[in-house]
Every structure is written in C-alpha cells, then in structure tokens.
C-alpha cells in the first residue's frame, strides 16, 4: 500500500526542488540576500504546510500564525500578533474571546488566492472600535448567519480565510488578546486522511510558496526601481489586493546605502490610532526584532521639539536617538504604517555620511 503514494511523494520532492528557481532567477544577489532567500523559501514551506495540513478543515476551524517571529510574509509587522483561520463561505462561525491590552484589533475576511494569482482580496473588515466589547474586554463576533448584533460580518461565498491583526505598542509587556473560533452551522465528523487529500494538500502548499514568493519579489523589484531611499505613498489599492488592512496606509520603500553612510528619515506624525516604521531584508521579511532595534513606534520614539520624528538608520548601532540598524546589510525593503490616519505625510529621506553625524 505504501508504494501507492511513493510516486506522488517523489513528484512533490522534485517540485519542491524546483521552487529554488525563484532565488536562482535573481541576478546580482549578495551572499546574504541569497542565503536569506533560501531560508525564506524554507520558512514559507513551514507556514504553508501548517496552513494546508494542520488547519485545513473549515468545518473544524482553528487559528494558526501565518507570520510570526521566525517565519514571515510580505512586510510582517513586528508589533503584531497575526492569527489566521481557514473558513468556508457557505458556513457560519463565532469568533470570541478577550481583547486584552490590544491597541488595535481587526478582523478581515479574505479570499486567499496566493497559490493561484498572488492576491488576497478583502471581503469584509471590522475592528475593535466598531464592536461592542464589555467592560472586561470580552466579545463575540459573528461571521455569517443571522444576528442583530453589530459585531457581525456577512460571509461571502468566496471567503476562505479570516485574518486577525492584534497590534501592540509594546508587544512584550502588554497582555495579549485571547481569541477562539467555532463553527456554528454544522457538526463536524472525523475524516480519515486519504492519499488523494494529502496529495492535494502538498500541491497546495507548494503553490502557496510559489505564489507568495513571486508576488512579493515583484514588489521588491518595483520598490528597488521606483522607491529607492524613498517612502512614497504608492498605490494603496495594490497593497490591499495582497491582504492589507484597508484602515492602514502603507508607505513602502527600499533602502540602499554603504557602511560609511546612514539614512535619515524625518516626518510629521498625523493624527492616527497607531504608527510604526520597520526595516526588512530583500525578501520583505522584517528583520530580527527579537534581538535588535529594527522598528520603532510611538512608545519607543523620541520626538523633536516640533513633534516631528527623525529616525536614523545605520548598519550598526550608534549612540543617537531613534537609531535602527540593518544588522549589517546594505539593502532591503522598509515600511512606514499609519493606522486610521486623517492625513498621510510623506517623509523626507536623506543618505548622509556617518562622519557627519553628531552622536549623543
């Protein structure tokens, strides 16, 4: 019986090998960019297998993290805890729990098409400011079905994913939300795994890796060409089509400067619910925020007297306010977010010589 699946397993392994062509197609990569590219593919494989094998049944939905500290997709936010659940637009669900000390909490219904055309369209969004939450922080959100509650999102037939964004100004010290999901329209029955189902799950996983990596590589090519050492507004609808939160304004850029230089970013801060700035590598993975200063928000920023902020990005640490580091790399992507902003100021970005800097 084991031989029945061997041919399919061998095909999966061959196709997995071919995924490396995404990295091989890039010319002039540094040694670091190339090594991180292959690591990125391995991380995507981990995420996709978790999504398609362990949490694949929308009749018994469960949350998983499609981006986290050691596996990252598309400019993941270091201040976030992401939760994802696979759902079915023909069923109904209850999402419930406690908001903890979230500064921003949103729920987005998506049509996840990363494995086909690299998009993830928004089909409905709600955040904690639009919900009824009791004094203890408890809430119930209904997806689909019939309800009179304002805590409700209609569930389109093509919805196949729920994304929960928990944003914290100090993620380490704040109490995290506790969130669960339950199918309320049907009673699940156990199903034994079949070889055809496993084959489909493996193929979906590889397609997700290919689609995700290809999508954000196209973004990087665009940023490298048109956003080099800049943080322009960009086409927000384009960013939303890949799963972005419609309430967030994304200012993507690409940094590229040598070790004897630094990047100075100065901007006004609009009236908004939250903002942050982060550094990423060539593959749009946030840098290692567990151990190094690679992002900043209002809880850690020191403002200028005129309430603007100046961020100093260098390759290695400098004794100066608002200093972020690239961990030694010369190039990569970067992102400034405004959530719920009434205006979207465009930062001034300058590349200067390190020896011109006046440290604290």
Protein backbone atom coordinates (compact mmCIF):
# COMPACT_ATOMS: atom_id res chain seq x y z
CA UNK A 1 0.00 0.00 0.00
CA UNK A 2 2.87 2.36 0.81
CA UNK A 3 4.05 2.19 -2.80
CA UNK A 4 0.77 3.76 -3.97
CA UNK A 5 1.88 7.14 -2.67
CA UNK A 6 5.59 6.91 -3.43
CA UNK A 7 5.25 8.31 -6.95
CA UNK A 8 3.26 11.29 -5.65
CA UNK A 9 5.78 11.86 -2.86
CA UNK A 10 8.67 11.76 -5.33
CA UNK A 11 6.84 14.28 -7.53
CA UNK A 12 6.35 16.57 -4.55
CA UNK A 13 10.06 16.40 -3.72
CA UNK A 14 11.01 17.19 -7.33
CA UNK A 15 8.62 20.13 -7.43
CA UNK A 16 9.97 21.34 -4.09
CA UNK A 17 13.45 21.36 -5.59
CA UNK A 18 12.18 23.50 -8.46
CA UNK A 19 10.94 26.18 -6.05
CA UNK A 20 14.58 27.24 -5.72
CA UNK A 21 14.39 28.73 -9.22
CA UNK A 22 12.74 31.78 -7.61
CA UNK A 23 16.03 32.56 -5.91
CA UNK A 24 18.17 31.46 -8.84
CA UNK A 25 16.31 33.85 -11.18
CA UNK A 26 17.61 36.85 -9.24
CA UNK A 27 20.84 38.30 -10.57
CA UNK A 28 23.44 40.17 -8.53
CA UNK A 29 22.26 38.96 -5.13
CA UNK A 30 24.70 39.40 -2.27
CA UNK A 31 25.72 36.29 -0.39
CA UNK A 32 23.42 37.35 2.46
CA UNK A 33 20.45 38.01 0.17
CA UNK A 34 20.89 34.62 -1.49
CA UNK A 35 21.22 32.70 1.77
CA UNK A 36 18.23 34.52 3.25
CA UNK A 37 16.29 33.79 0.07
CA UNK A 38 16.63 30.04 0.51
CA UNK A 39 15.83 30.41 4.21
CA UNK A 40 12.74 32.40 3.18
CA UNK A 41 11.55 29.51 1.00
CA UNK A 42 12.03 27.07 3.87
CA UNK A 43 10.04 29.36 6.15
CA UNK A 44 7.25 29.62 3.59
CA UNK A 45 7.15 25.83 3.31
CA UNK A 46 6.77 25.58 7.09
CA UNK A 47 3.91 28.09 7.03
CA UNK A 48 2.16 26.56 4.05
CA UNK A 49 2.28 23.04 5.47
CA UNK A 50 0.87 24.33 8.75
CA UNK A 51 -1.94 26.06 6.87
CA UNK A 52 -2.79 23.28 4.42
CA UNK A 53 -2.21 20.18 6.53
CA UNK A 54 -2.80 21.01 10.17
CA UNK A 55 -5.51 23.71 9.92
CA UNK A 56 -7.11 22.93 6.58
CA UNK A 57 -10.63 21.88 7.59
CA UNK A 58 -13.07 24.84 7.64
CA UNK A 59 -15.64 22.66 9.41
CA UNK A 60 -13.34 22.50 12.44
CA UNK A 61 -11.51 25.83 12.17
CA UNK A 62 -8.53 26.71 14.33
CA UNK A 63 -6.15 29.62 14.43
CA UNK A 64 -2.56 29.46 13.26
CA UNK A 65 0.11 32.13 12.72
CA UNK A 66 0.85 32.74 9.05
CA UNK A 67 3.52 35.24 10.11
CA UNK A 68 5.47 35.20 13.35
CA UNK A 69 8.92 35.76 14.82
CA UNK A 70 10.70 33.13 12.74
CA UNK A 71 8.56 32.83 9.60
CA UNK A 72 7.47 35.98 7.80
CA UNK A 73 5.44 37.16 4.83
CA UNK A 74 5.15 40.47 2.99
CA UNK A 75 6.43 43.12 5.41
CA UNK A 76 5.03 41.48 8.55
CA UNK A 77 4.60 43.93 11.42
CA UNK A 78 6.88 43.32 14.46
CA UNK A 79 4.21 44.90 16.68
CA UNK A 80 1.57 42.42 15.54
CA UNK A 81 0.36 39.01 16.52
CA UNK A 82 -1.30 37.54 13.43
CA UNK A 83 -3.95 34.85 13.59
CA UNK A 84 -5.34 33.07 10.53
CA UNK A 85 -8.17 30.57 10.19
CA UNK A 86 -9.35 28.69 7.11
CA UNK A 87 -13.11 29.14 6.69
CA UNK A 88 -15.88 28.28 4.21
CA UNK A 89 -18.22 30.98 2.93
CA UNK A 90 -21.10 28.51 3.00
CA UNK A 91 -20.86 28.06 6.76
CA UNK A 92 -21.19 30.32 9.83
CA UNK A 93 -18.76 30.96 12.65
CA UNK A 94 -18.48 32.52 16.09
CA UNK A 95 -15.24 34.29 16.99
CA UNK A 96 -14.99 35.02 20.69
CA UNK A 97 -12.54 35.90 23.42
CA UNK A 98 -10.97 38.85 25.22
CA UNK A 99 -9.16 41.82 23.68
CA UNK A 100 -6.51 42.03 26.42
CA UNK A 101 -4.46 45.21 26.05
CA UNK A 102 -4.57 45.45 22.25
CA UNK A 103 -4.02 48.91 20.81
CA UNK A 104 -5.62 47.82 17.56
CA UNK A 105 -7.55 44.65 16.80
CA UNK A 106 -9.06 43.94 13.38
CA UNK A 107 -10.83 41.02 11.73
CA UNK A 108 -10.67 40.66 7.95
CA UNK A 109 -12.47 38.21 5.67
CA UNK A 110 -10.32 37.32 2.70
CA UNK A 111 -10.29 35.29 -0.47
CA UNK A 112 -6.81 33.81 -0.23
CA UNK A 113 -5.54 33.35 -3.79
CA UNK A 114 -1.80 33.38 -3.07
CA UNK A 115 -1.49 29.90 -4.58
CA UNK A 116 -3.12 30.96 -7.85
CA UNK A 117 -2.51 34.63 -8.68
CA UNK A 118 -0.79 36.04 -5.58
CA UNK A 119 -3.76 38.09 -4.34
CA UNK A 120 -5.77 38.10 -1.12
CA UNK A 121 -8.84 40.25 -1.63
CA UNK A 122 -10.69 41.89 1.25
CA UNK A 123 -14.32 40.77 1.53
CA UNK A 124 -15.23 42.47 4.81
CA UNK A 125 -13.45 44.16 7.72
CA UNK A 126 -14.29 45.19 11.28
CA UNK A 127 -12.09 46.42 14.13
CA UNK A 128 -12.49 46.80 17.87
CA UNK A 129 -13.58 50.46 17.62
CA UNK A 130 -16.65 49.36 15.68
CA UNK A 131 -17.55 46.49 18.03
CA UNK A 132 -19.40 46.07 21.30
CA UNK A 133 -16.90 44.87 23.91
CA UNK A 134 -17.87 44.53 27.57
CA UNK A 135 -16.03 46.12 30.49
CA UNK A 136 -13.93 43.01 31.00
CA UNK A 137 -12.80 43.05 27.37
CA UNK A 138 -14.90 40.05 26.32
CA UNK A 139 -16.51 39.96 22.88
CA UNK A 140 -18.34 37.76 20.39
CA UNK A 141 -18.10 38.34 16.63
CA UNK A 142 -20.44 36.51 14.27
CA UNK A 143 -19.32 35.59 10.75
CA UNK A 144 -22.29 34.80 8.52
CA UNK A 145 -25.68 33.55 9.60
CA UNK A 146 -28.39 35.73 11.13
CA UNK A 147 -27.86 38.12 14.04
CA UNK A 148 -28.94 41.55 15.28
CA UNK A 149 -25.55 42.25 16.83
CA UNK A 150 -23.31 44.99 15.43
CA UNK A 151 -20.47 42.50 15.95
CA UNK A 152 -21.17 40.90 12.60
CA UNK A 153 -19.59 40.34 9.21
CA UNK A 154 -21.63 38.83 6.37
CA UNK A 155 -19.78 35.88 4.90
CA UNK A 156 -19.45 35.89 1.09
CA UNK A 157 -19.39 32.51 -0.62
CA UNK A 158 -15.82 33.03 -1.84
CA UNK A 159 -14.40 33.79 1.62
CA UNK A 160 -11.83 31.19 2.62
CA UNK A 161 -9.70 32.91 5.28
CA UNK A 162 -10.10 35.06 8.38
CA UNK A 163 -7.13 37.26 9.31
CA UNK A 164 -6.90 38.72 12.81
CA UNK A 165 -4.41 41.52 13.41
CA UNK A 166 -3.51 42.25 17.03
CA UNK A 167 -1.33 45.35 17.26
CA UNK A 168 0.56 46.37 20.40
CA UNK A 169 2.67 49.43 21.06
CA UNK A 170 4.69 47.27 23.44
CA UNK A 171 4.03 43.69 22.40
CA UNK A 172 6.33 42.15 25.02
CA UNK A 173 4.81 43.76 28.12
CA UNK A 174 1.14 44.09 27.17
CA UNK A 175 -1.47 41.40 27.86
CA UNK A 176 -2.30 39.65 24.59
CA UNK A 177 -5.79 39.01 23.32
CA UNK A 178 -7.27 35.55 23.66
CA UNK A 179 -9.29 34.64 20.57
CA UNK A 180 -11.10 31.46 19.55
CA UNK A 181 -13.22 30.40 16.59
CA UNK A 182 -16.05 27.89 16.36
CA UNK A 183 -18.22 26.60 13.52
CA UNK A 184 -21.88 27.18 14.49
CA UNK A 185 -23.59 25.94 11.33
CA UNK A 186 -22.64 22.27 11.27
CA UNK A 187 -21.31 19.45 13.39
CA UNK A 188 -18.03 18.10 12.13
CA UNK A 189 -17.46 14.41 11.65
CA UNK A 190 -13.98 12.88 11.80
CA UNK A 191 -12.45 12.02 8.45
CA UNK A 192 -9.52 9.71 7.84
CA UNK A 193 -6.73 11.10 5.70
CA UNK A 194 -6.61 9.72 2.16
CA UNK A 195 -3.70 9.70 -0.26
CA UNK A 196 -5.60 11.95 -2.69
CA UNK A 197 -6.28 14.51 0.03
CA UNK A 198 -2.65 14.51 1.18
CA UNK A 199 -1.52 14.93 -2.42
CA UNK A 200 -3.83 17.94 -2.80
CA UNK A 201 -2.55 19.46 0.44
CA UNK A 202 1.08 19.06 -0.60
CA UNK A 203 0.39 20.58 -4.02
CA UNK A 204 -1.49 23.49 -2.45
CA UNK A 205 1.43 24.09 -0.13
CA UNK A 206 3.93 24.31 -2.98
CA UNK A 207 1.59 26.54 -4.96
CA UNK A 208 1.31 28.86 -1.95
CA UNK A 209 5.10 29.08 -1.64
CA UNK A 210 5.48 29.86 -5.34
CA UNK A 211 2.65 32.39 -5.40
CA UNK A 212 3.70 34.19 -2.21
CA UNK A 213 7.39 34.42 -3.04
CA UNK A 214 6.72 35.52 -6.62
CA UNK A 215 4.22 38.20 -5.55
CA UNK A 216 6.45 39.96 -3.07
CA UNK A 217 9.53 39.59 -5.27
CA UNK A 218 7.68 41.67 -7.89
CA UNK A 219 7.01 44.26 -5.19
CA UNK A 220 10.70 44.41 -4.31
CA UNK A 221 11.65 44.89 -7.95
CA UNK A 222 9.25 47.83 -8.09
CA UNK A 223 10.48 49.33 -4.82
CA UNK A 224 14.11 48.91 -5.88
CA UNK A 225 13.40 50.75 -9.12
CA UNK A 226 10.97 53.48 -8.01
CA UNK A 227 11.17 53.69 -4.19
CA UNK A 228 14.94 53.57 -3.62
CA UNK A 229 15.75 55.52 -0.46
CA UNK A 230 12.22 56.94 -0.52
CA UNK A 231 8.91 56.30 1.23
CA UNK A 232 6.29 57.44 -1.29
CA UNK A 233 2.56 56.93 -0.85
CA UNK A 234 2.25 54.29 -3.59
CA UNK A 235 -0.92 52.66 -4.89
CA UNK A 236 -2.82 51.64 -1.76
CA UNK A 237 -5.30 49.50 -3.72
CA UNK A 238 -2.37 47.46 -4.99
CA UNK A 239 -1.19 46.80 -1.43
CA UNK A 240 -4.72 45.99 -0.25
CA UNK A 241 -5.09 43.38 -3.00
CA UNK A 242 -2.40 41.28 -1.31
CA UNK A 243 -4.25 41.13 2.00
CA UNK A 244 -3.58 44.55 3.50
CA UNK A 245 -5.89 46.11 6.07
CA UNK A 246 -7.96 48.87 4.38
CA UNK A 247 -7.59 51.03 7.50
CA UNK A 248 -3.81 51.04 7.19
CA UNK A 249 -1.86 53.37 4.89
CA UNK A 250 1.34 51.66 3.73
CA UNK A 251 4.43 53.63 2.67
CA UNK A 252 6.83 51.05 1.24
CA UNK A 253 10.42 51.83 0.31
CA UNK A 254 13.79 50.27 -0.48
CA UNK A 255 16.98 51.31 1.30
CA UNK A 256 20.41 51.02 -0.27
CA UNK A 257 23.44 52.70 1.29
CA UNK A 258 27.01 51.78 2.20
CA UNK A 259 28.58 51.07 5.57
CA UNK A 260 30.08 54.58 5.84
CA UNK A 261 26.64 56.15 5.34
CA UNK A 262 23.36 56.34 7.23
CA UNK A 263 19.78 57.06 6.29
CA UNK A 264 17.91 59.91 7.96
CA UNK A 265 14.11 59.84 7.84
CA UNK A 266 12.14 62.85 9.06
CA UNK A 267 8.36 63.04 9.07
CA UNK A 268 5.35 64.66 10.65
CA UNK A 269 3.16 62.28 12.61
CA UNK A 270 -0.53 62.56 11.68
CA UNK A 271 -3.48 62.17 13.99
CA UNK A 272 -3.84 58.38 13.94
CA UNK A 273 -4.55 55.34 16.07
CA UNK A 274 -1.06 53.90 15.66
CA UNK A 275 2.07 54.20 13.54
CA UNK A 276 5.34 52.37 13.14
CA UNK A 277 8.38 52.13 10.89
CA UNK A 278 10.34 48.93 10.21
CA UNK A 279 13.29 47.54 8.31
CA UNK A 280 13.17 44.37 6.22
CA UNK A 281 15.51 42.25 4.16
CA UNK A 282 15.45 41.84 0.38
CA UNK A 283 12.60 39.31 0.66
CA UNK A 284 10.36 41.70 2.65
CA UNK A 285 10.81 39.80 5.90
CA UNK A 286 11.01 42.05 8.95
CA UNK A 287 14.49 41.88 10.45
CA UNK A 288 15.16 40.11 13.74
CA UNK A 289 13.08 42.23 16.12
CA UNK A 290 13.57 39.67 18.90
CA UNK A 291 17.14 40.83 19.43
CA UNK A 292 17.86 44.07 17.55
CA UNK A 293 16.36 47.57 17.15
CA UNK A 294 14.83 47.26 13.68
CA UNK A 295 11.49 49.02 14.21
CA UNK A 296 10.01 51.95 16.11
CA UNK A 297 6.58 53.22 17.16
CA UNK A 298 5.20 55.95 19.40
CA UNK A 299 6.01 54.06 22.60
CA UNK A 300 9.74 53.97 21.83
CA UNK A 301 10.18 57.09 19.68
CA UNK A 302 11.70 60.34 20.93
CA UNK A 303 10.11 63.26 19.10
CA UNK A 304 11.70 66.51 18.00
CA UNK A 305 10.59 69.78 19.62
CA UNK A 306 8.23 70.42 16.71
CA UNK A 307 6.58 66.98 17.23
CA UNK A 308 8.18 65.51 14.11
CA UNK A 309 10.36 62.45 14.36
CA UNK A 310 13.82 61.83 12.94
CA UNK A 311 14.81 58.18 12.54
CA UNK A 312 18.47 57.33 11.99
CA UNK A 313 19.10 54.04 10.18
CA UNK A 314 22.64 52.70 10.22
CA UNK A 315 24.26 49.34 9.58
CA UNK A 316 25.38 49.01 13.19
CA UNK A 317 24.35 50.71 16.46
CA UNK A 318 25.08 54.40 17.01
CA UNK A 319 24.52 56.25 20.28
CA UNK A 320 21.77 58.52 18.99
CA UNK A 321 18.03 58.83 19.48
CA UNK A 322 15.73 56.68 17.32
CA UNK A 323 18.56 54.60 15.90
CA UNK A 324 17.57 51.47 13.97
CA UNK A 325 20.02 49.04 12.40
CA UNK A 326 20.07 46.98 9.21
CA UNK A 327 22.08 44.28 11.07
CA UNK A 328 24.96 44.97 8.65
CA UNK A 329 23.20 44.56 5.30
CA UNK A 330 23.43 47.32 2.66
CA UNK A 331 19.98 46.91 1.17
CA UNK A 332 16.44 45.77 1.78
CA UNK A 333 12.83 46.88 1.97
CA UNK A 334 11.29 49.20 4.57
CA UNK A 335 7.81 50.30 5.56
CA UNK A 336 6.04 53.11 7.40
CA UNK A 337 2.43 52.46 8.52
CA UNK A 338 -0.29 54.87 9.57
CA UNK A 339 -3.46 53.27 11.04
CA UNK A 340 -6.65 55.31 10.90
CA UNK A 341 -4.72 58.43 9.91
CA UNK A 342 -6.52 61.61 8.87
CA UNK A 343 -3.52 62.61 6.73
CA UNK A 344 -0.65 60.71 5.13
CA UNK A 345 2.55 62.80 5.28
CA UNK A 346 5.41 61.76 3.02
CA UNK A 347 8.70 61.50 4.92
CA UNK A 348 11.90 63.22 3.85
CA UNK A 349 14.64 60.62 3.37
CA UNK A 350 18.33 61.54 3.07
CA UNK A 351 21.51 59.49 2.79
CA UNK A 352 24.39 61.07 4.70
CA UNK A 353 27.95 60.23 5.70
CA UNK A 354 28.45 58.64 9.12
CA UNK A 355 31.30 61.05 9.92
CA UNK A 356 28.85 63.97 9.64
CA UNK A 357 26.69 62.56 12.44
CA UNK A 358 26.80 64.06 15.91
CA UNK A 359 26.07 61.19 18.37
CA UNK A 360 24.61 61.75 21.83
